[in-house]
Amino acid sequence: MKFLADESVDYQIVDHLRQDGHEIWYVAEMEPGISDDVVLD
């Protein structure tokens, strides 16, 4: 399954989901501080 995790999501959750085989796009790794409108686009 694919997820987009906002930067407010704890990294341990992201890491656990990745270990379970999920594809996670994590805003904190991509472009921290971007606006919610940009994340939604």
PDB file of N, CA and C in Angstrom:
ATOM      1  N   MET A   1       0.845  -1.161   0.000  1.00  0.00           N
ATOM      2  CA  MET A   1       0.000   0.000   0.000  1.00  0.00           C
ATOM      3  C   MET A   1       0.901   1.238   0.000  1.00  0.00           C
ATOM      4  N   LYS A   2       0.419   2.323  -0.574  1.00  0.00           N
ATOM      5  CA  LYS A   2       1.177   3.568  -0.632  1.00  0.00           C
ATOM      6  C   LYS A   2       0.559   4.580   0.330  1.00  0.00           C
ATOM      7  N   PHE A   3       1.450   5.316   1.037  1.00  0.00           N
ATOM      8  CA  PHE A   3       1.010   6.334   1.978  1.00  0.00           C
ATOM      9  C   PHE A   3       1.801   7.613   1.767  1.00  0.00           C
ATOM     10  N   LEU A   4       1.182   8.731   2.096  1.00  0.00           N
ATOM     11  CA  LEU A   4       1.863  10.008   2.205  1.00  0.00           C
ATOM     12  C   LEU A   4       1.763  10.402   3.664  1.00  0.00           C
ATOM     13  N   ALA A   5       2.909  10.534   4.333  1.00  0.00           N
ATOM     14  CA  ALA A   5       2.929  10.888   5.747  1.00  0.00           C
ATOM     15  C   ALA A   5       3.427  12.316   5.897  1.00  0.00           C
ATOM     16  N   ASP A   6       2.626  13.147   6.552  1.00  0.00           N
ATOM     17  CA  ASP A   6       3.029  14.522   6.813  1.00  0.00           C
ATOM     18  C   ASP A   6       4.206  14.516   7.789  1.00  0.00           C
ATOM     19  N   GLU A   7       4.907  15.628   7.864  1.00  0.00           N
ATOM     20  CA  GLU A   7       6.095  15.681   8.704  1.00  0.00           C
ATOM     21  C   GLU A   7       5.780  15.585  10.190  1.00  0.00           C
ATOM     22  N   SER A   8       4.527  15.742  10.576  1.00  0.00           N
ATOM     23  CA  SER A   8       4.158  15.615  11.984  1.00  0.00           C
ATOM     24  C   SER A   8       4.032  14.151  12.425  1.00  0.00           C
ATOM     25  N   VAL A   9       4.050  13.226  11.475  1.00  0.00           N
ATOM     26  CA  VAL A   9       3.997  11.796  11.799  1.00  0.00           C
ATOM     27  C   VAL A   9       5.367  11.370  12.324  1.00  0.00           C
ATOM     28  N   ASP A  10       5.368  10.667  13.426  1.00  0.00           N
ATOM     29  CA  ASP A  10       6.615  10.216  14.036  1.00  0.00           C
ATOM     30  C   ASP A  10       7.364   9.263  13.098  1.00  0.00           C
ATOM     31  N   TYR A  11       8.688   9.426  13.018  1.00  0.00           N
ATOM     32  CA  TYR A  11       9.480   8.607  12.105  1.00  0.00           C
ATOM     33  C   TYR A  11       9.353   7.120  12.418  1.00  0.00           C
ATOM     34  N   GLN A  12       9.189   6.769  13.674  1.00  0.00           N
ATOM     35  CA  GLN A  12       9.078   5.344  14.028  1.00  0.00           C
ATOM     36  C   GLN A  12       7.872   4.698  13.346  1.00  0.00           C
ATOM     37  N   ILE A  13       6.806   5.445  13.183  1.00  0.00           N
ATOM     38  CA  ILE A  13       5.620   4.930  12.488  1.00  0.00           C
ATOM     39  C   ILE A  13       5.939   4.713  11.015  1.00  0.00           C
ATOM     40  N   VAL A  14       6.593   5.705  10.407  1.00  0.00           N
ATOM     41  CA  VAL A  14       6.983   5.603   9.002  1.00  0.00           C
ATOM     42  C   VAL A  14       7.897   4.400   8.804  1.00  0.00           C
ATOM     43  N   ASP A  15       8.879   4.272   9.662  1.00  0.00           N
ATOM     44  CA  ASP A  15       9.842   3.175   9.559  1.00  0.00           C
ATOM     45  C   ASP A  15       9.153   1.825   9.704  1.00  0.00           C
ATOM     46  N   HIS A  16       8.250   1.718  10.656  1.00  0.00           N
ATOM     47  CA  HIS A  16       7.537   0.450  10.873  1.00  0.00           C
ATOM     48  C   HIS A  16       6.696   0.079   9.641  1.00  0.00           C
ATOM     49  N   LEU A  17       6.009   1.058   9.082  1.00  0.00           N
ATOM     50  CA  LEU A  17       5.208   0.787   7.887  1.00  0.00           C
ATOM     51  C   LEU A  17       6.094   0.351   6.721  1.00  0.00           C
ATOM     52  N   ARG A  18       7.256   0.973   6.586  1.00  0.00           N
ATOM     53  CA  ARG A  18       8.195   0.582   5.528  1.00  0.00           C
ATOM     54  C   ARG A  18       8.682  -0.844   5.745  1.00  0.00           C
ATOM     55  N   GLN A  19       8.978  -1.194   6.976  1.00  0.00           N
ATOM     56  CA  GLN A  19       9.436  -2.557   7.277  1.00  0.00           C
ATOM     57  C   GLN A  19       8.353  -3.582   6.947  1.00  0.00           C
ATOM     58  N   ASP A  20       7.110  -3.168   7.029  1.00  0.00           N
ATOM     59  CA  ASP A  20       5.993  -4.051   6.694  1.00  0.00           C
ATOM     60  C   ASP A  20       5.729  -4.099   5.192  1.00  0.00           C
ATOM     61  N   GLY A  21       6.553  -3.382   4.408  1.00  0.00           N
ATOM     62  CA  GLY A  21       6.453  -3.464   2.961  1.00  0.00           C
ATOM     63  C   GLY A  21       5.654  -2.368   2.285  1.00  0.00           C
ATOM     64  N   HIS A  22       5.238  -1.367   3.052  1.00  0.00           N
ATOM     65  CA  HIS A  22       4.460  -0.271   2.475  1.00  0.00           C
ATOM     66  C   HIS A  22       5.394   0.783   1.880  1.00  0.00           C
ATOM     67  N   GLU A  23       4.909   1.452   0.845  1.00  0.00           N
ATOM     68  CA  GLU A  23       5.649   2.555   0.236  1.00  0.00           C
ATOM     69  C   GLU A  23       5.189   3.850   0.900  1.00  0.00           C
ATOM     70  N   ILE A  24       6.121   4.555   1.536  1.00  0.00           N
ATOM     71  CA  ILE A  24       5.788   5.774   2.275  1.00  0.00           C
ATOM     72  C   ILE A  24       6.523   6.952   1.680  1.00  0.00           C
ATOM     73  N   TRP A  25       5.780   7.978   1.318  1.00  0.00           N
ATOM     74  CA  TRP A  25       6.361   9.265   0.952  1.00  0.00           C
ATOM     75  C   TRP A  25       6.254  10.113   2.204  1.00  0.00           C
ATOM     76  N   TYR A  26       7.397  10.531   2.747  1.00  0.00           N
ATOM     77  CA  TYR A  26       7.447  11.214   4.041  1.00  0.00           C
ATOM     78  C   TYR A  26       7.882  12.652   3.810  1.00  0.00           C
ATOM     79  N   VAL A  27       6.983  13.583   4.079  1.00  0.00           N
ATOM     80  CA  VAL A  27       7.239  14.994   3.811  1.00  0.00           C
ATOM     81  C   VAL A  27       8.512  15.468   4.518  1.00  0.00           C
ATOM     82  N   ALA A  28       8.783  14.975   5.704  1.00  0.00           N
ATOM     83  CA  ALA A  28       9.976  15.384   6.455  1.00  0.00           C
ATOM     84  C   ALA A  28      11.263  15.024   5.715  1.00  0.00           C
ATOM     85  N   GLU A  29      11.231  14.012   4.878  1.00  0.00           N
ATOM     86  CA  GLU A  29      12.402  13.625   4.086  1.00  0.00           C
ATOM     87  C   GLU A  29      12.426  14.324   2.729  1.00  0.00           C
ATOM     88  N   MET A  30      11.262  14.705   2.244  1.00  0.00           N
ATOM     89  CA  MET A  30      11.161  15.258   0.901  1.00  0.00           C
ATOM     90  C   MET A  30      11.404  16.769   0.885  1.00  0.00           C
ATOM     91  N   GLU A  31      10.580  17.488   1.626  1.00  0.00           N
ATOM     92  CA  GLU A  31      10.673  18.952   1.632  1.00  0.00           C
ATOM     93  C   GLU A  31      10.027  19.480   2.918  1.00  0.00           C
ATOM     94  N   PRO A  32      10.739  19.398   4.047  1.00  0.00           N
ATOM     95  CA  PRO A  32      10.167  19.832   5.318  1.00  0.00           C
ATOM     96  C   PRO A  32       9.759  21.300   5.270  1.00  0.00           C
ATOM     97  N   GLY A  33       8.653  21.597   5.928  1.00  0.00           N
ATOM     98  CA  GLY A  33       8.220  22.974   6.053  1.00  0.00           C
ATOM     99  C   GLY A  33       7.311  23.475   4.936  1.00  0.00           C
ATOM    100  N   ILE A  34       7.026  22.606   3.954  1.00  0.00           N
ATOM    101  CA  ILE A  34       6.145  23.071   2.868  1.00  0.00           C
ATOM    102  C   ILE A  34       4.720  23.195   3.415  1.00  0.00           C
ATOM    103  N   SER A  35       3.928  24.022   2.748  1.00  0.00           N
ATOM    104  CA  SER A  35       2.568  24.271   3.225  1.00  0.00           C
ATOM    105  C   SER A  35       1.676  23.054   2.972  1.00  0.00           C
ATOM    106  N   ASP A  36       0.606  22.997   3.739  1.00  0.00           N
ATOM    107  CA  ASP A  36      -0.346  21.898   3.591  1.00  0.00           C
ATOM    108  C   ASP A  36      -0.954  21.887   2.185  1.00  0.00           C
ATOM    109  N   ASP A  37      -1.166  23.066   1.605  1.00  0.00           N
ATOM    110  CA  ASP A  37      -1.717  23.140   0.256  1.00  0.00           C
ATOM    111  C   ASP A  37      -0.807  22.452  -0.752  1.00  0.00           C
ATOM    112  N   VAL A  38       0.498  22.633  -0.598  1.00  0.00           N
ATOM    113  CA  VAL A  38       1.463  21.991  -1.514  1.00  0.00           C
ATOM    114  C   VAL A  38       1.447  20.482  -1.290  1.00  0.00           C
ATOM    115  N   VAL A  39       1.372  20.058  -0.046  1.00  0.00           N
ATOM    116  CA  VAL A  39       1.314  18.612   0.250  1.00  0.00           C
ATOM    117  C   VAL A  39       0.086  18.001  -0.402  1.00  0.00           C
ATOM    118  N   LEU A  40      -1.031  18.669  -0.324  1.00  0.00           N
ATOM    119  CA  LEU A  40      -2.266  18.138  -0.894  1.00  0.00           C
ATOM    120  C   LEU A  40      -2.229  18.104  -2.420  1.00  0.00           C
ATOM    121  N   ASP A  41      -1.512  19.042  -3.012  1.00  0.00           N
ATOM    122  CA  ASP A  41      -1.393  19.030  -4.482  1.00  0.00           C
ATOM    123  C   ASP A  41      -0.588  17.825  -4.908  1.00  0.00           C
TER     124      ASP A  41
END
